[in-house]
Amino acid sequence: MTAPQFDYPALYDDADHQAASSQSHTLNLIRIEYALLIVAAVLSMNWSNDPIFFAVYAAVLLTSLGVLVKRNSEKPEQGWYRGRALAESIKTSAWRFCMRAEPFDDAETVATPRRAFRDHLADILKANFSTNSPAPSNSAAGAQIPLSMLQVRSLPLDERKSYYRQHRIVNQRNWYQGKAAANRRDGTRWGRIGIAAYSLAIVMTLARIAYPNGDLWPIEPVLVFAAAIIGWTQVKKFNEFFFFDRRGS
């Protein structure tokens, strides 16, 4: 028989979506926070003595504080991590079911392992649920054992092993290799930008020796920008070539 396209349980798709949404929300808040800090550093150079200028400066600082409070109170990164953990647990269990591995071994009828798989999903969901966890969306009410999973399970042993090797092992290895290469490129690019920012700050600091009466040297904004680059590379973990996002699912 023709090997089917593999579909995961609906609960997996829901957890994957919630993890991606929480990840996007987390990163957007961090981007906004860094951008506001850079703007505040620029305004700190006292471009004007107009009260409106200082009102704008205060508004930027207040907005930055609001973003920080929002991120600390909502903790969207927890939804990101929980959703990712839930999705990965479901993913592993789905493959064990399809490969007839413990605890979804062969039985007199397929109804027995199907029931065991549904109970297992319920246990996984319960273990990953907390009072702060978003409730599963309506999409999670879809098929928890898609037809493709049953088709893969019904394959002869050699075909199941081959299917697992190609669609699980090889696909995962290819994704990790691609992600590692992308992280290396991004880490190198952001690292160079950070070095350039620090170098620019050093050059401007030395230039003040030759031009001590110069005004509005933007050293502080450049340093804040460099610090933001360091923070961003740490958040994205570019130096750790294996990390999870929704594409890693």
C-alpha atoms as a PDB file:
ATOM      1  CA  MET A   1       0.000   0.000   0.000  1.00  0.00           C
ATOM      2  CA  THR A   2       1.092   3.594  -0.555  1.00  0.00           C
ATOM      3  CA  ALA A   3       2.584   5.169   2.548  1.00  0.00           C
ATOM      4  CA  PRO A   4       0.205   7.849   3.847  1.00  0.00           C
ATOM      5  CA  GLN A   5       0.994  11.436   4.741  1.00  0.00           C
ATOM      6  CA  PHE A   6       1.380  11.464   8.513  1.00  0.00           C
ATOM      7  CA  ASP A   7      -1.137  13.511  10.519  1.00  0.00           C
ATOM      8  CA  TYR A   8      -0.853  14.185  14.233  1.00  0.00           C
ATOM      9  CA  PRO A   9      -3.737  14.215  16.744  1.00  0.00           C
ATOM     10  CA  ALA A  10      -5.848  17.369  16.844  1.00  0.00           C
ATOM     11  CA  LEU A  11      -4.640  18.035  20.385  1.00  0.00           C
ATOM     12  CA  TYR A  12      -1.079  18.175  19.068  1.00  0.00           C
ATOM     13  CA  ASP A  13      -2.010  20.794  16.469  1.00  0.00           C
ATOM     14  CA  ASP A  14      -3.741  22.846  19.167  1.00  0.00           C
ATOM     15  CA  ALA A  15      -0.756  22.659  21.548  1.00  0.00           C
ATOM     16  CA  ASP A  16       1.604  23.492  18.700  1.00  0.00           C
ATOM     17  CA  HIS A  17      -0.498  26.531  17.761  1.00  0.00           C
ATOM     18  CA  GLN A  18      -0.695  27.771  21.351  1.00  0.00           C
ATOM     19  CA  ALA A  19       3.053  27.363  21.793  1.00  0.00           C
ATOM     20  CA  ALA A  20       3.733  29.315  18.598  1.00  0.00           C
ATOM     21  CA  SER A  21       1.287  32.039  19.618  1.00  0.00           C
ATOM     22  CA  SER A  22       2.858  32.385  23.085  1.00  0.00           C
ATOM     23  CA  GLN A  23       6.327  32.408  21.553  1.00  0.00           C
ATOM     24  CA  SER A  24       5.377  35.172  19.133  1.00  0.00           C
ATOM     25  CA  HIS A  25       3.780  37.203  21.932  1.00  0.00           C
ATOM     26  CA  THR A  26       6.876  36.809  24.127  1.00  0.00           C
ATOM     27  CA  LEU A  27       9.303  37.874  21.416  1.00  0.00           C
ATOM     28  CA  ASN A  28       7.138  40.817  20.347  1.00  0.00           C
ATOM     29  CA  LEU A  29       7.046  42.154  23.909  1.00  0.00           C
ATOM     30  CA  ILE A  30      10.826  41.849  24.149  1.00  0.00           C
ATOM     31  CA  ARG A  31      11.263  43.638  20.804  1.00  0.00           C
ATOM     32  CA  ILE A  32       9.017  46.484  21.954  1.00  0.00           C
ATOM     33  CA  GLU A  33      10.825  46.738  25.280  1.00  0.00           C
ATOM     34  CA  TYR A  34      14.257  46.945  23.644  1.00  0.00           C
ATOM     35  CA  ALA A  35      13.049  49.471  21.078  1.00  0.00           C
ATOM     36  CA  LEU A  36      11.603  51.716  23.790  1.00  0.00           C
ATOM     37  CA  LEU A  37      14.827  51.530  25.801  1.00  0.00           C
ATOM     38  CA  ILE A  38      16.825  52.614  22.749  1.00  0.00           C
ATOM     39  CA  VAL A  39      14.419  55.498  22.129  1.00  0.00           C
ATOM     40  CA  ALA A  40      14.702  56.490  25.797  1.00  0.00           C
ATOM     41  CA  ALA A  41      18.505  56.452  25.514  1.00  0.00           C
ATOM     42  CA  VAL A  42      18.311  58.763  22.501  1.00  0.00           C
ATOM     43  CA  LEU A  43      15.985  61.146  24.345  1.00  0.00           C
ATOM     44  CA  SER A  44      18.284  61.119  27.376  1.00  0.00           C
ATOM     45  CA  MET A  45      20.745  63.234  25.389  1.00  0.00           C
ATOM     46  CA  ASN A  46      18.571  66.290  26.158  1.00  0.00           C
ATOM     47  CA  TRP A  47      17.896  67.437  22.643  1.00  0.00           C
ATOM     48  CA  SER A  48      15.619  70.186  23.943  1.00  0.00           C
ATOM     49  CA  ASN A  49      14.573  72.059  27.064  1.00  0.00           C
ATOM     50  CA  ASP A  50      10.976  72.229  25.938  1.00  0.00           C
ATOM     51  CA  PRO A  51       8.549  70.771  28.521  1.00  0.00           C
ATOM     52  CA  ILE A  52       6.839  68.838  25.713  1.00  0.00           C
ATOM     53  CA  PHE A  53      10.138  67.072  25.020  1.00  0.00           C
ATOM     54  CA  PHE A  54      10.404  65.894  28.616  1.00  0.00           C
ATOM     55  CA  ALA A  55       6.743  64.885  28.578  1.00  0.00           C
ATOM     56  CA  VAL A  56       7.470  62.671  25.570  1.00  0.00           C
ATOM     57  CA  TYR A  57      10.562  61.321  27.324  1.00  0.00           C
ATOM     58  CA  ALA A  58       8.499  60.442  30.398  1.00  0.00           C
ATOM     59  CA  ALA A  59       5.813  58.822  28.226  1.00  0.00           C
ATOM     60  CA  VAL A  60       8.412  56.585  26.577  1.00  0.00           C
ATOM     61  CA  LEU A  61       9.780  55.523  29.971  1.00  0.00           C
ATOM     62  CA  LEU A  62       6.266  54.912  31.293  1.00  0.00           C
ATOM     63  CA  THR A  63       5.378  52.813  28.254  1.00  0.00           C
ATOM     64  CA  SER A  64       8.583  50.805  28.665  1.00  0.00           C
ATOM     65  CA  LEU A  65       7.684  50.193  32.290  1.00  0.00           C
ATOM     66  CA  GLY A  66       4.200  49.105  31.257  1.00  0.00           C
ATOM     67  CA  VAL A  67       5.609  46.573  28.783  1.00  0.00           C
ATOM     68  CA  LEU A  68       7.929  45.193  31.476  1.00  0.00           C
ATOM     69  CA  VAL A  69       5.071  44.860  33.967  1.00  0.00           C
ATOM     70  CA  LYS A  70       2.890  43.212  31.326  1.00  0.00           C
ATOM     71  CA  ARG A  71       5.571  40.673  30.453  1.00  0.00           C
ATOM     72  CA  ASN A  72       6.286  39.876  34.100  1.00  0.00           C
ATOM     73  CA  SER A  73       2.618  39.513  34.998  1.00  0.00           C
ATOM     74  CA  GLU A  74       1.473  37.540  31.945  1.00  0.00           C
ATOM     75  CA  LYS A  75       4.629  35.389  31.684  1.00  0.00           C
ATOM     76  CA  PRO A  76       3.816  34.362  28.092  1.00  0.00           C
ATOM     77  CA  GLU A  77       7.037  32.379  27.922  1.00  0.00           C
ATOM     78  CA  GLN A  78       5.483  29.828  30.285  1.00  0.00           C
ATOM     79  CA  GLY A  79       2.701  29.184  27.793  1.00  0.00           C
ATOM     80  CA  TRP A  80       5.363  28.816  25.123  1.00  0.00           C
ATOM     81  CA  TYR A  81       7.316  26.228  27.123  1.00  0.00           C
ATOM     82  CA  ARG A  82       4.234  24.324  28.340  1.00  0.00           C
ATOM     83  CA  GLY A  83       2.735  24.210  24.863  1.00  0.00           C
ATOM     84  CA  ARG A  84       6.004  22.984  23.409  1.00  0.00           C
ATOM     85  CA  ALA A  85       6.366  20.299  26.079  1.00  0.00           C
ATOM     86  CA  LEU A  86       2.766  19.154  25.546  1.00  0.00           C
ATOM     87  CA  ALA A  87       3.178  19.044  21.765  1.00  0.00           C
ATOM     88  CA  GLU A  88       6.395  17.051  21.990  1.00  0.00           C
ATOM     89  CA  SER A  89       4.874  14.555  24.425  1.00  0.00           C
ATOM     90  CA  ILE A  90       1.901  14.008  22.113  1.00  0.00           C
ATOM     91  CA  LYS A  91       4.195  13.726  19.121  1.00  0.00           C
ATOM     92  CA  THR A  92       6.299  11.013  20.755  1.00  0.00           C
ATOM     93  CA  SER A  93       3.204   9.105  21.894  1.00  0.00           C
ATOM     94  CA  ALA A  94       1.652   9.280  18.418  1.00  0.00           C
ATOM     95  CA  TRP A  95       4.695   7.639  16.891  1.00  0.00           C
ATOM     96  CA  ARG A  96       4.757   4.962  19.589  1.00  0.00           C
ATOM     97  CA  PHE A  97       1.121   4.188  18.793  1.00  0.00           C
ATOM     98  CA  CYS A  98       1.841   3.926  15.075  1.00  0.00           C
ATOM     99  CA  MET A  99       4.864   1.707  15.641  1.00  0.00           C
ATOM    100  CA  ARG A 100       2.843  -0.545  18.021  1.00  0.00           C
ATOM    101  CA  ALA A 101       5.347   0.186  20.771  1.00  0.00           C
ATOM    102  CA  GLU A 102       4.638  -0.072  24.483  1.00  0.00           C
ATOM    103  CA  PRO A 103       2.129   0.821  25.911  1.00  0.00           C
ATOM    104  CA  PHE A 104       0.243   0.543  22.598  1.00  0.00           C
ATOM    105  CA  ASP A 105       1.228  -3.017  21.691  1.00  0.00           C
ATOM    106  CA  ASP A 106      -0.832  -5.309  19.508  1.00  0.00           C
ATOM    107  CA  ALA A 107      -4.083  -6.607  20.971  1.00  0.00           C
ATOM    108  CA  GLU A 108      -6.975  -8.763  19.796  1.00  0.00           C
ATOM    109  CA  THR A 109      -8.569  -5.692  18.265  1.00  0.00           C
ATOM    110  CA  VAL A 110      -7.173  -2.239  17.447  1.00  0.00           C
ATOM    111  CA  ALA A 111      -9.867  -0.783  19.704  1.00  0.00           C
ATOM    112  CA  THR A 112      -7.752  -1.688  22.751  1.00  0.00           C
ATOM    113  CA  PRO A 113      -4.632   0.330  21.831  1.00  0.00           C
ATOM    114  CA  ARG A 114      -6.860   3.127  20.502  1.00  0.00           C
ATOM    115  CA  ARG A 115      -8.558   3.371  23.878  1.00  0.00           C
ATOM    116  CA  ALA A 116      -5.161   3.261  25.609  1.00  0.00           C
ATOM    117  CA  PHE A 117      -3.908   6.063  23.377  1.00  0.00           C
ATOM    118  CA  ARG A 118      -6.896   8.302  24.134  1.00  0.00           C
ATOM    119  CA  ASP A 119      -6.446   7.679  27.869  1.00  0.00           C
ATOM    120  CA  HIS A 120      -2.749   8.465  27.491  1.00  0.00           C
ATOM    121  CA  LEU A 121      -3.550  11.776  25.780  1.00  0.00           C
ATOM    122  CA  ALA A 122      -5.873  12.660  28.651  1.00  0.00           C
ATOM    123  CA  ASP A 123      -3.098  11.913  31.148  1.00  0.00           C
ATOM    124  CA  ILE A 124      -0.592  14.039  29.194  1.00  0.00           C
ATOM    125  CA  LEU A 125      -3.042  16.930  29.024  1.00  0.00           C
ATOM    126  CA  LYS A 126      -3.733  16.676  32.760  1.00  0.00           C
ATOM    127  CA  ALA A 127      -0.024  16.559  33.598  1.00  0.00           C
ATOM    128  CA  ASN A 128       0.685  19.685  31.523  1.00  0.00           C
ATOM    129  CA  PHE A 129      -2.346  21.655  32.657  1.00  0.00           C
ATOM    130  CA  SER A 130      -2.218  24.422  35.229  1.00  0.00           C
ATOM    131  CA  THR A 131      -4.558  27.176  36.343  1.00  0.00           C
ATOM    132  CA  ASN A 132      -2.666  29.584  34.079  1.00  0.00           C
ATOM    133  CA  SER A 133      -2.818  27.333  31.047  1.00  0.00           C
ATOM    134  CA  PRO A 134      -5.154  28.346  28.235  1.00  0.00           C
ATOM    135  CA  ALA A 135      -7.992  25.933  27.674  1.00  0.00           C
ATOM    136  CA  PRO A 136      -7.758  23.825  24.513  1.00  0.00           C
ATOM    137  CA  SER A 137      -9.431  25.521  21.583  1.00  0.00           C
ATOM    138  CA  ASN A 138     -12.308  24.054  19.597  1.00  0.00           C
ATOM    139  CA  SER A 139      -9.810  22.674  17.092  1.00  0.00           C
ATOM    140  CA  ALA A 140      -8.600  20.241  19.761  1.00  0.00           C
ATOM    141  CA  ALA A 141     -11.961  18.475  19.521  1.00  0.00           C
ATOM    142  CA  GLY A 142     -10.964  17.014  16.152  1.00  0.00           C
ATOM    143  CA  ALA A 143      -9.734  13.502  15.480  1.00  0.00           C
ATOM    144  CA  GLN A 144      -7.203  12.360  18.066  1.00  0.00           C
ATOM    145  CA  ILE A 145      -6.333   9.264  16.026  1.00  0.00           C
ATOM    146  CA  PRO A 146      -6.357  10.390  12.368  1.00  0.00           C
ATOM    147  CA  LEU A 147      -6.825   7.813   9.642  1.00  0.00           C
ATOM    148  CA  SER A 148      -3.182   8.176   8.605  1.00  0.00           C
ATOM    149  CA  MET A 149      -2.024   7.015  12.043  1.00  0.00           C
ATOM    150  CA  LEU A 150      -4.140   3.871  11.726  1.00  0.00           C
ATOM    151  CA  GLN A 151      -2.822   3.298   8.200  1.00  0.00           C
ATOM    152  CA  VAL A 152       0.777   3.536   9.372  1.00  0.00           C
ATOM    153  CA  ARG A 153       0.031   1.232  12.291  1.00  0.00           C
ATOM    154  CA  SER A 154      -1.436  -1.333   9.897  1.00  0.00           C
ATOM    155  CA  LEU A 155       1.744  -1.513   7.781  1.00  0.00           C
ATOM    156  CA  PRO A 156       3.929  -4.637   7.988  1.00  0.00           C
ATOM    157  CA  LEU A 157       6.858  -4.411  10.393  1.00  0.00           C
ATOM    158  CA  ASP A 158       9.533  -3.725   7.765  1.00  0.00           C
ATOM    159  CA  GLU A 159       7.424  -0.991   6.164  1.00  0.00           C
ATOM    160  CA  ARG A 160       6.690   0.575   9.544  1.00  0.00           C
ATOM    161  CA  LYS A 161      10.397   0.656  10.354  1.00  0.00           C
ATOM    162  CA  SER A 162      11.178   2.205   6.986  1.00  0.00           C
ATOM    163  CA  TYR A 163       8.383   4.747   7.409  1.00  0.00           C
ATOM    164  CA  TYR A 164       9.624   5.671  10.869  1.00  0.00           C
ATOM    165  CA  ARG A 165      13.185   6.041   9.645  1.00  0.00           C
ATOM    166  CA  GLN A 166      12.189   8.358   6.802  1.00  0.00           C
ATOM    167  CA  HIS A 167       9.372  10.395   8.355  1.00  0.00           C
ATOM    168  CA  ARG A 168      10.615  10.591  11.915  1.00  0.00           C
ATOM    169  CA  ILE A 169      14.386  10.159  12.143  1.00  0.00           C
ATOM    170  CA  VAL A 170      15.471  11.599   8.786  1.00  0.00           C
ATOM    171  CA  ASN A 171      12.978  14.464   8.929  1.00  0.00           C
ATOM    172  CA  GLN A 172      14.049  15.397  12.462  1.00  0.00           C
ATOM    173  CA  ARG A 173      17.728  15.188  11.563  1.00  0.00           C
ATOM    174  CA  ASN A 174      17.240  17.355   8.478  1.00  0.00           C
ATOM    175  CA  TRP A 175      15.288  19.934  10.481  1.00  0.00           C
ATOM    176  CA  TYR A 176      17.935  20.134  13.198  1.00  0.00           C
ATOM    177  CA  GLN A 177      20.718  20.441  10.636  1.00  0.00           C
ATOM    178  CA  GLY A 178      18.849  23.257   8.891  1.00  0.00           C
ATOM    179  CA  LYS A 179      18.096  25.004  12.179  1.00  0.00           C
ATOM    180  CA  ALA A 180      21.713  24.674  13.318  1.00  0.00           C
ATOM    181  CA  ALA A 181      22.943  26.264  10.085  1.00  0.00           C
ATOM    182  CA  ALA A 182      20.379  29.082  10.353  1.00  0.00           C
ATOM    183  CA  ASN A 183      21.349  29.721  13.982  1.00  0.00           C
ATOM    184  CA  ARG A 184      25.015  29.884  13.064  1.00  0.00           C
ATOM    185  CA  ARG A 185      24.259  32.450  10.360  1.00  0.00           C
ATOM    186  CA  ASP A 186      22.009  34.522  12.632  1.00  0.00           C
ATOM    187  CA  GLY A 187      24.439  34.292  15.548  1.00  0.00           C
ATOM    188  CA  THR A 188      27.304  35.449  13.340  1.00  0.00           C
ATOM    189  CA  ARG A 189      25.253  38.322  11.883  1.00  0.00           C
ATOM    190  CA  TRP A 190      23.990  39.612  15.224  1.00  0.00           C
ATOM    191  CA  GLY A 191      27.431  39.138  16.773  1.00  0.00           C
ATOM    192  CA  ARG A 192      28.972  41.325  14.087  1.00  0.00           C
ATOM    193  CA  ILE A 193      26.304  43.981  14.618  1.00  0.00           C
ATOM    194  CA  GLY A 194      27.016  43.965  18.364  1.00  0.00           C
ATOM    195  CA  ILE A 195      30.773  44.250  17.784  1.00  0.00           C
ATOM    196  CA  ALA A 196      30.185  47.118  15.354  1.00  0.00           C
ATOM    197  CA  ALA A 197      28.022  48.929  17.915  1.00  0.00           C
ATOM    198  CA  TYR A 198      30.631  48.576  20.660  1.00  0.00           C
ATOM    199  CA  SER A 199      33.370  49.646  18.243  1.00  0.00           C
ATOM    200  CA  LEU A 200      31.365  52.718  17.280  1.00  0.00           C
ATOM    201  CA  ALA A 201      30.894  53.619  20.957  1.00  0.00           C
ATOM    202  CA  ILE A 202      34.649  53.264  21.541  1.00  0.00           C
ATOM    203  CA  VAL A 203      35.471  55.438  18.521  1.00  0.00           C
ATOM    204  CA  MET A 204      33.058  58.150  19.687  1.00  0.00           C
ATOM    205  CA  THR A 205      34.468  58.013  23.215  1.00  0.00           C
ATOM    206  CA  LEU A 206      37.997  58.522  21.880  1.00  0.00           C
ATOM    207  CA  ALA A 207      36.773  61.228  19.507  1.00  0.00           C
ATOM    208  CA  ARG A 208      35.575  63.238  22.495  1.00  0.00           C
ATOM    209  CA  ILE A 209      39.233  63.581  23.491  1.00  0.00           C
ATOM    210  CA  ALA A 210      39.963  65.382  20.239  1.00  0.00           C
ATOM    211  CA  TYR A 211      36.689  67.307  20.324  1.00  0.00           C
ATOM    212  CA  PRO A 212      35.940  67.906  24.018  1.00  0.00           C
ATOM    213  CA  ASN A 213      33.461  70.660  23.267  1.00  0.00           C
ATOM    214  CA  GLY A 214      31.351  68.545  20.935  1.00  0.00           C
ATOM    215  CA  ASP A 215      27.702  68.154  21.814  1.00  0.00           C
ATOM    216  CA  LEU A 216      25.252  65.290  21.481  1.00  0.00           C
ATOM    217  CA  TRP A 217      27.656  62.366  21.172  1.00  0.00           C
ATOM    218  CA  PRO A 218      25.231  59.401  20.958  1.00  0.00           C
ATOM    219  CA  ILE A 219      27.402  57.056  23.004  1.00  0.00           C
ATOM    220  CA  GLU A 220      24.693  55.974  25.463  1.00  0.00           C
ATOM    221  CA  PRO A 221      22.128  55.075  22.772  1.00  0.00           C
ATOM    222  CA  VAL A 222      24.740  53.033  20.931  1.00  0.00           C
ATOM    223  CA  LEU A 223      25.654  51.180  24.126  1.00  0.00           C
ATOM    224  CA  VAL A 224      21.980  50.484  24.872  1.00  0.00           C
ATOM    225  CA  PHE A 225      21.612  49.195  21.319  1.00  0.00           C
ATOM    226  CA  ALA A 226      24.630  46.920  21.795  1.00  0.00           C
ATOM    227  CA  ALA A 227      23.185  45.647  25.076  1.00  0.00           C
ATOM    228  CA  ALA A 228      19.876  44.975  23.335  1.00  0.00           C
ATOM    229  CA  ILE A 229      21.729  42.938  20.701  1.00  0.00           C
ATOM    230  CA  ILE A 230      23.331  40.835  23.432  1.00  0.00           C
ATOM    231  CA  GLY A 231      19.964  40.350  25.132  1.00  0.00           C
ATOM    232  CA  TRP A 232      18.311  39.354  21.858  1.00  0.00           C
ATOM    233  CA  THR A 233      20.970  36.753  21.028  1.00  0.00           C
ATOM    234  CA  GLN A 234      20.517  35.283  24.516  1.00  0.00           C
ATOM    235  CA  VAL A 235      16.742  35.167  24.148  1.00  0.00           C
ATOM    236  CA  LYS A 236      16.979  33.497  20.737  1.00  0.00           C
ATOM    237  CA  LYS A 237      19.839  31.230  21.868  1.00  0.00           C
ATOM    238  CA  PHE A 238      21.708  31.551  18.585  1.00  0.00           C
ATOM    239  CA  ASN A 239      24.728  29.913  20.170  1.00  0.00           C
ATOM    240  CA  GLU A 240      22.654  26.865  21.078  1.00  0.00           C
ATOM    241  CA  PHE A 241      22.052  25.317  17.690  1.00  0.00           C
ATOM    242  CA  PHE A 242      19.115  23.212  18.813  1.00  0.00           C
ATOM    243  CA  PHE A 243      16.042  24.968  20.181  1.00  0.00           C
ATOM    244  CA  PHE A 244      12.336  24.531  19.757  1.00  0.00           C
ATOM    245  CA  ASP A 245       9.863  26.700  17.954  1.00  0.00           C
ATOM    246  CA  ARG A 246       6.772  25.693  16.074  1.00  0.00           C
ATOM    247  CA  ARG A 247       8.810  24.573  13.040  1.00  0.00           C
ATOM    248  CA  GLY A 248      10.609  22.147  15.294  1.00  0.00           C
ATOM    249  CA  SER A 249       7.384  20.292  15.922  1.00  0.00           C
END
